[in-house]
Amino acid sequence: MSLTTRSVPALLAASFVAAAPAIAAGDADAGKKTFTRCMICHEAANDTNKIGPSLHGVIGRKAGSLPSFESKYSDAMKKAGTDGLVWDETNIAAYIKAPKVKVPGNKMAFAGLQNDTDIANVIAYLKAAAQP
């Protein structure tokens, strides 16, 4: 299939599938350093909400469903959760890379991380931060 006949979602999906091996190989310590950019709005080491919801234990959580942040989520994020979006590694990677593409209309002002290694490292940190 040529690029002119492939849909944009298919092209995006293909790029995220290509990033999947990097996700598995993420470095939690490097991810913690990268996550400092996110700490203005998010916490990962505990359940404290800031401007954005706590990301502690986010992997496996339905989008827009953290009870302590429920009233602050955008309608777009709540709808994404209602429509079945669950924060697995692939969805988190897609969101971190392009938040406004993954969930159009969400409130997050951050434009995204473009480096796949940084994304993999942040995901590794989120996983490690959720461990007791």
N, C-alpha and C. Protein backbone atom coordinates (compact mmCIF):
# COMPACT_ATOMS: atom_id res chain seq x y z
N MET A 1 0.86 -1.17 0.00
CA MET A 1 0.00 0.00 0.00
C MET A 1 0.90 1.23 0.00
N SER A 2 0.62 2.19 -0.80
CA SER A 2 1.44 3.39 -0.87
C SER A 2 1.09 4.35 0.24
N LEU A 3 1.98 5.30 0.49
CA LEU A 3 1.72 6.30 1.52
C LEU A 3 0.48 7.12 1.21
N THR A 4 0.19 7.30 -0.05
CA THR A 4 -0.97 8.11 -0.41
C THR A 4 -2.28 7.40 -0.13
N THR A 5 -2.24 6.08 0.00
CA THR A 5 -3.48 5.35 0.26
C THR A 5 -3.61 4.89 1.70
N ARG A 6 -2.55 5.03 2.49
CA ARG A 6 -2.62 4.63 3.90
C ARG A 6 -3.26 5.75 4.71
N SER A 7 -4.03 5.38 5.66
CA SER A 7 -4.67 6.38 6.52
C SER A 7 -3.67 6.90 7.55
N VAL A 8 -3.92 8.10 8.03
CA VAL A 8 -3.06 8.68 9.06
C VAL A 8 -3.05 7.80 10.31
N PRO A 9 -4.21 7.32 10.81
CA PRO A 9 -4.16 6.43 11.98
C PRO A 9 -3.31 5.18 11.74
N ALA A 10 -3.37 4.63 10.55
CA ALA A 10 -2.56 3.45 10.26
C ALA A 10 -1.07 3.79 10.30
N LEU A 11 -0.71 4.95 9.77
CA LEU A 11 0.68 5.38 9.80
C LEU A 11 1.13 5.63 11.24
N LEU A 12 0.29 6.26 12.04
CA LEU A 12 0.63 6.50 13.44
C LEU A 12 0.76 5.18 14.19
N ALA A 13 -0.16 4.27 13.96
CA ALA A 13 -0.11 2.97 14.62
C ALA A 13 1.19 2.24 14.27
N ALA A 14 1.58 2.31 13.01
CA ALA A 14 2.81 1.66 12.58
C ALA A 14 4.03 2.25 13.29
N SER A 15 4.04 3.56 13.48
CA SER A 15 5.18 4.18 14.16
C SER A 15 5.23 3.78 15.63
N PHE A 16 4.08 3.60 16.28
CA PHE A 16 4.07 3.20 17.68
C PHE A 16 4.42 1.73 17.83
N VAL A 17 4.05 0.90 16.88
CA VAL A 17 4.45 -0.50 16.93
C VAL A 17 5.96 -0.60 16.82
N ALA A 18 6.55 0.24 15.97
CA ALA A 18 8.00 0.24 15.84
C ALA A 18 8.68 0.66 17.14
N ALA A 19 8.01 1.47 17.96
CA ALA A 19 8.58 1.92 19.23
C ALA A 19 8.43 0.89 20.34
N ALA A 20 7.62 -0.13 20.14
CA ALA A 20 7.34 -1.09 21.20
C ALA A 20 8.58 -1.75 21.79
N PRO A 21 9.59 -2.17 20.99
CA PRO A 21 10.77 -2.76 21.61
C PRO A 21 11.49 -1.78 22.54
N ALA A 22 11.49 -0.50 22.19
CA ALA A 22 12.12 0.50 23.04
C ALA A 22 11.38 0.62 24.36
N ILE A 23 10.08 0.46 24.35
CA ILE A 23 9.30 0.54 25.57
C ILE A 23 9.75 -0.54 26.54
N ALA A 24 9.92 -1.74 26.04
CA ALA A 24 10.30 -2.86 26.89
C ALA A 24 11.70 -2.67 27.48
N ALA A 25 12.54 -1.90 26.81
CA ALA A 25 13.93 -1.74 27.22
C ALA A 25 14.17 -0.44 27.99
N GLY A 26 13.12 0.21 28.46
CA GLY A 26 13.28 1.50 29.13
C GLY A 26 14.10 1.40 30.41
N ASP A 27 14.74 2.51 30.76
CA ASP A 27 15.56 2.63 31.95
C ASP A 27 14.84 3.53 32.95
N ALA A 28 14.42 2.96 34.07
CA ALA A 28 13.63 3.71 35.06
C ALA A 28 14.40 4.89 35.65
N ASP A 29 15.70 4.74 35.88
CA ASP A 29 16.48 5.85 36.43
C ASP A 29 16.56 7.01 35.45
N ALA A 30 16.79 6.70 34.19
CA ALA A 30 16.79 7.75 33.16
C ALA A 30 15.40 8.34 33.02
N GLY A 31 14.38 7.50 33.13
CA GLY A 31 13.00 7.97 33.04
C GLY A 31 12.64 8.92 34.16
N LYS A 32 13.17 8.67 35.35
CA LYS A 32 12.91 9.58 36.48
C LYS A 32 13.47 10.96 36.18
N LYS A 33 14.64 11.00 35.57
CA LYS A 33 15.25 12.29 35.19
C LYS A 33 14.40 12.99 34.14
N THR A 34 13.95 12.26 33.14
CA THR A 34 13.10 12.85 32.10
C THR A 34 11.77 13.30 32.70
N PHE A 35 11.25 12.53 33.64
CA PHE A 35 9.97 12.84 34.26
C PHE A 35 9.99 14.16 35.03
N THR A 36 11.18 14.68 35.36
CA THR A 36 11.22 15.96 36.07
C THR A 36 10.51 17.05 35.27
N ARG A 37 10.46 16.93 33.95
CA ARG A 37 9.72 17.88 33.11
C ARG A 37 8.21 17.79 33.37
N CYS A 38 7.77 16.63 33.80
CA CYS A 38 6.34 16.36 34.02
C CYS A 38 5.91 16.72 35.44
N MET A 39 6.89 16.85 36.34
CA MET A 39 6.58 16.99 37.76
C MET A 39 5.93 18.32 38.14
N ILE A 40 5.95 19.28 37.27
CA ILE A 40 5.24 20.52 37.54
C ILE A 40 3.75 20.22 37.67
N CYS A 41 3.29 19.29 36.85
CA CYS A 41 1.85 18.98 36.79
C CYS A 41 1.47 17.62 37.35
N HIS A 42 2.41 16.67 37.39
CA HIS A 42 2.09 15.29 37.77
C HIS A 42 3.03 14.76 38.83
N GLU A 43 2.51 13.85 39.62
CA GLU A 43 3.29 13.09 40.59
C GLU A 43 3.21 11.63 40.17
N ALA A 44 4.29 10.88 40.34
CA ALA A 44 4.26 9.46 40.01
C ALA A 44 4.59 8.58 41.21
N ALA A 45 5.29 9.14 42.18
CA ALA A 45 5.73 8.35 43.32
C ALA A 45 4.65 8.16 44.38
N ASN A 46 3.58 8.96 44.32
CA ASN A 46 2.49 8.82 45.28
C ASN A 46 1.17 9.25 44.64
N ASP A 47 0.11 9.22 45.40
CA ASP A 47 -1.23 9.50 44.87
C ASP A 47 -1.62 10.98 44.91
N THR A 48 -0.66 11.86 45.04
CA THR A 48 -0.95 13.29 45.11
C THR A 48 -1.26 13.86 43.73
N ASN A 49 -2.40 14.52 43.62
CA ASN A 49 -2.73 15.22 42.37
C ASN A 49 -2.11 16.61 42.41
N LYS A 50 -1.76 17.10 41.26
CA LYS A 50 -1.25 18.47 41.12
C LYS A 50 -2.18 19.15 40.12
N ILE A 51 -1.62 19.90 39.20
CA ILE A 51 -2.43 20.49 38.12
C ILE A 51 -3.07 19.37 37.31
N GLY A 52 -2.30 18.29 37.12
CA GLY A 52 -2.79 17.10 36.45
C GLY A 52 -2.94 15.97 37.46
N PRO A 53 -3.53 14.88 37.05
CA PRO A 53 -3.75 13.76 37.97
C PRO A 53 -2.45 13.05 38.35
N SER A 54 -2.47 12.40 39.49
CA SER A 54 -1.36 11.55 39.88
C SER A 54 -1.22 10.43 38.84
N LEU A 55 0.01 10.12 38.50
CA LEU A 55 0.27 9.02 37.57
C LEU A 55 0.77 7.78 38.30
N HIS A 56 0.68 7.82 39.62
CA HIS A 56 1.05 6.65 40.42
C HIS A 56 0.06 5.52 40.10
N GLY A 57 0.58 4.42 39.61
CA GLY A 57 -0.28 3.29 39.26
C GLY A 57 -1.12 3.50 38.01
N VAL A 58 -0.69 4.40 37.13
CA VAL A 58 -1.49 4.72 35.94
C VAL A 58 -1.60 3.55 34.97
N ILE A 59 -0.58 2.69 34.91
CA ILE A 59 -0.61 1.59 33.95
C ILE A 59 -1.73 0.62 34.34
N GLY A 60 -2.64 0.43 33.40
CA GLY A 60 -3.81 -0.42 33.62
C GLY A 60 -5.06 0.36 34.01
N ARG A 61 -4.90 1.66 34.24
CA ARG A 61 -6.03 2.51 34.64
C ARG A 61 -6.79 2.98 33.40
N LYS A 62 -8.10 3.02 33.51
CA LYS A 62 -8.94 3.57 32.44
C LYS A 62 -8.71 5.08 32.40
N ALA A 63 -8.61 5.63 31.22
CA ALA A 63 -8.41 7.07 31.05
C ALA A 63 -9.53 7.85 31.72
N GLY A 64 -9.16 8.95 32.37
CA GLY A 64 -10.15 9.83 32.98
C GLY A 64 -10.89 9.24 34.15
N SER A 65 -10.27 8.29 34.87
CA SER A 65 -11.02 7.57 35.89
C SER A 65 -10.47 7.68 37.31
N LEU A 66 -9.43 8.46 37.54
CA LEU A 66 -8.91 8.57 38.90
C LEU A 66 -9.92 9.34 39.75
N PRO A 67 -10.53 8.67 40.73
CA PRO A 67 -11.63 9.30 41.49
C PRO A 67 -11.27 10.65 42.10
N SER A 68 -10.04 10.79 42.61
CA SER A 68 -9.66 12.04 43.27
C SER A 68 -9.43 13.19 42.28
N PHE A 69 -9.46 12.90 40.99
CA PHE A 69 -9.26 13.94 39.97
C PHE A 69 -10.46 14.05 39.04
N GLU A 70 -11.46 13.24 39.28
CA GLU A 70 -12.59 13.08 38.37
C GLU A 70 -13.21 14.39 37.90
N SER A 71 -13.39 15.34 38.78
CA SER A 71 -14.06 16.59 38.40
C SER A 71 -13.17 17.51 37.57
N LYS A 72 -11.87 17.21 37.49
CA LYS A 72 -10.94 18.08 36.77
C LYS A 72 -10.56 17.58 35.37
N TYR A 73 -10.90 16.34 35.07
CA TYR A 73 -10.58 15.82 33.74
C TYR A 73 -11.37 16.57 32.67
N SER A 74 -10.78 16.70 31.50
CA SER A 74 -11.50 17.27 30.36
C SER A 74 -12.59 16.30 29.93
N ASP A 75 -13.60 16.83 29.27
CA ASP A 75 -14.64 15.96 28.71
C ASP A 75 -14.03 14.97 27.74
N ALA A 76 -13.01 15.42 26.99
CA ALA A 76 -12.36 14.54 26.01
C ALA A 76 -11.70 13.34 26.69
N MET A 77 -11.03 13.58 27.84
CA MET A 77 -10.36 12.49 28.55
C MET A 77 -11.39 11.54 29.16
N LYS A 78 -12.46 12.09 29.71
CA LYS A 78 -13.52 11.23 30.26
C LYS A 78 -14.14 10.38 29.16
N LYS A 79 -14.37 10.98 28.00
CA LYS A 79 -14.95 10.23 26.87
C LYS A 79 -14.00 9.14 26.39
N ALA A 80 -12.71 9.46 26.36
CA ALA A 80 -11.73 8.45 25.94
C ALA A 80 -11.81 7.23 26.84
N GLY A 81 -11.94 7.46 28.14
CA GLY A 81 -12.08 6.35 29.08
C GLY A 81 -13.38 5.60 28.88
N THR A 82 -14.46 6.33 28.71
CA THR A 82 -15.76 5.72 28.47
C THR A 82 -15.73 4.88 27.19
N ASP A 83 -14.97 5.36 26.20
CA ASP A 83 -14.85 4.64 24.93
C ASP A 83 -13.87 3.47 25.00
N GLY A 84 -13.24 3.27 26.17
CA GLY A 84 -12.39 2.08 26.34
C GLY A 84 -10.90 2.30 26.41
N LEU A 85 -10.43 3.54 26.40
CA LEU A 85 -8.99 3.78 26.47
C LEU A 85 -8.46 3.42 27.85
N VAL A 86 -7.53 2.48 27.87
CA VAL A 86 -6.86 2.06 29.09
C VAL A 86 -5.38 2.37 28.91
N TRP A 87 -4.75 2.87 29.96
CA TRP A 87 -3.35 3.27 29.88
C TRP A 87 -2.41 2.08 29.98
N ASP A 88 -2.25 1.38 28.87
CA ASP A 88 -1.22 0.35 28.79
C ASP A 88 0.04 1.03 28.22
N GLU A 89 1.11 0.30 28.09
CA GLU A 89 2.36 0.91 27.63
C GLU A 89 2.25 1.53 26.24
N THR A 90 1.54 0.88 25.35
CA THR A 90 1.40 1.40 23.99
C THR A 90 0.60 2.69 23.98
N ASN A 91 -0.50 2.74 24.72
CA ASN A 91 -1.32 3.95 24.77
C ASN A 91 -0.60 5.09 25.48
N ILE A 92 0.13 4.77 26.53
CA ILE A 92 0.91 5.81 27.21
C ILE A 92 1.97 6.37 26.27
N ALA A 93 2.65 5.49 25.55
CA ALA A 93 3.68 5.95 24.60
C ALA A 93 3.08 6.89 23.56
N ALA A 94 1.94 6.51 23.03
CA ALA A 94 1.28 7.35 22.02
C ALA A 94 0.87 8.69 22.62
N TYR A 95 0.37 8.67 23.84
CA TYR A 95 -0.07 9.91 24.49
C TYR A 95 1.10 10.82 24.84
N ILE A 96 2.17 10.22 25.37
CA ILE A 96 3.35 11.02 25.72
C ILE A 96 3.95 11.65 24.47
N LYS A 97 3.91 10.94 23.37
CA LYS A 97 4.49 11.45 22.12
C LYS A 97 3.64 12.56 21.52
N ALA A 98 2.34 12.42 21.55
CA ALA A 98 1.45 13.41 20.91
C ALA A 98 0.11 13.45 21.65
N PRO A 99 0.07 14.12 22.80
CA PRO A 99 -1.15 14.13 23.60
C PRO A 99 -2.39 14.61 22.85
N LYS A 100 -2.24 15.62 22.03
CA LYS A 100 -3.41 16.19 21.33
C LYS A 100 -3.86 15.32 20.16
N VAL A 101 -2.99 14.41 19.72
CA VAL A 101 -3.37 13.46 18.67
C VAL A 101 -4.06 12.25 19.31
N LYS A 102 -3.48 11.75 20.41
CA LYS A 102 -4.03 10.55 21.05
C LYS A 102 -5.40 10.82 21.66
N VAL A 103 -5.55 11.97 22.34
CA VAL A 103 -6.84 12.34 22.94
C VAL A 103 -7.12 13.80 22.57
N PRO A 104 -7.67 14.01 21.38
CA PRO A 104 -7.98 15.38 20.95
C PRO A 104 -8.91 16.08 21.93
N GLY A 105 -8.57 17.31 22.27
CA GLY A 105 -9.41 18.08 23.18
C GLY A 105 -9.06 17.93 24.65
N ASN A 106 -8.00 17.18 24.97
CA ASN A 106 -7.60 17.06 26.37
C ASN A 106 -6.97 18.36 26.85
N LYS A 107 -6.85 18.52 28.15
CA LYS A 107 -6.36 19.77 28.75
C LYS A 107 -4.84 19.88 28.85
N MET A 108 -4.12 18.81 28.65
CA MET A 108 -2.68 18.84 28.88
C MET A 108 -2.00 19.81 27.92
N ALA A 109 -1.24 20.76 28.47
CA ALA A 109 -0.58 21.77 27.67
C ALA A 109 0.74 21.27 27.07
N PHE A 110 1.33 20.25 27.65
CA PHE A 110 2.61 19.72 27.20
C PHE A 110 2.47 19.17 25.78
N ALA A 111 3.39 19.55 24.91
CA ALA A 111 3.32 19.14 23.49
C ALA A 111 3.72 17.69 23.27
N GLY A 112 4.49 17.12 24.17
CA GLY A 112 4.89 15.73 24.03
C GLY A 112 6.39 15.56 23.96
N LEU A 113 6.84 14.33 24.17
CA LEU A 113 8.24 13.96 24.02
C LEU A 113 8.42 13.34 22.65
N GLN A 114 9.43 13.74 21.94
CA GLN A 114 9.63 13.21 20.60
C GLN A 114 10.62 12.05 20.55
N ASN A 115 11.48 11.94 21.55
CA ASN A 115 12.49 10.91 21.56
C ASN A 115 11.91 9.60 22.11
N ASP A 116 11.92 8.55 21.30
CA ASP A 116 11.34 7.27 21.70
C ASP A 116 12.04 6.66 22.91
N THR A 117 13.35 6.90 23.05
CA THR A 117 14.07 6.39 24.21
C THR A 117 13.59 7.09 25.47
N ASP A 118 13.39 8.42 25.40
CA ASP A 118 12.86 9.15 26.56
C ASP A 118 11.49 8.62 26.95
N ILE A 119 10.66 8.35 25.95
CA ILE A 119 9.31 7.83 26.21
C ILE A 119 9.39 6.47 26.89
N ALA A 120 10.23 5.59 26.37
CA ALA A 120 10.40 4.27 26.96
C ALA A 120 10.91 4.38 28.40
N ASN A 121 11.82 5.31 28.63
CA ASN A 121 12.36 5.50 29.97
C ASN A 121 11.31 6.03 30.94
N VAL A 122 10.48 6.96 30.50
CA VAL A 122 9.42 7.48 31.35
C VAL A 122 8.44 6.37 31.71
N ILE A 123 8.10 5.54 30.75
CA ILE A 123 7.19 4.42 31.03
C ILE A 123 7.84 3.46 32.04
N ALA A 124 9.12 3.18 31.88
CA ALA A 124 9.82 2.32 32.85
C ALA A 124 9.78 2.96 34.24
N TYR A 125 9.94 4.28 34.30
CA TYR A 125 9.86 4.97 35.59
C TYR A 125 8.46 4.89 36.18
N LEU A 126 7.43 5.09 35.37
CA LEU A 126 6.05 4.99 35.87
C LEU A 126 5.77 3.61 36.44
N LYS A 127 6.29 2.58 35.76
CA LYS A 127 6.12 1.21 36.25
C LYS A 127 6.86 1.02 37.57
N ALA A 128 8.08 1.52 37.66
CA ALA A 128 8.89 1.35 38.87
C ALA A 128 8.31 2.15 40.03
N ALA A 129 7.82 3.34 39.76
CA ALA A 129 7.27 4.21 40.81
C ALA A 129 6.01 3.62 41.43
N ALA A 130 5.32 2.76 40.70
CA ALA A 130 4.09 2.16 41.20
C ALA A 130 4.35 0.96 42.10
N GLN A 131 5.61 0.50 42.14
CA GLN A 131 5.94 -0.66 42.97
C GLN A 131 6.03 -0.25 44.42
N PRO A 132 5.59 -1.10 45.33
CA PRO A 132 5.68 -0.78 46.77
C PRO A 132 7.11 -0.71 47.26
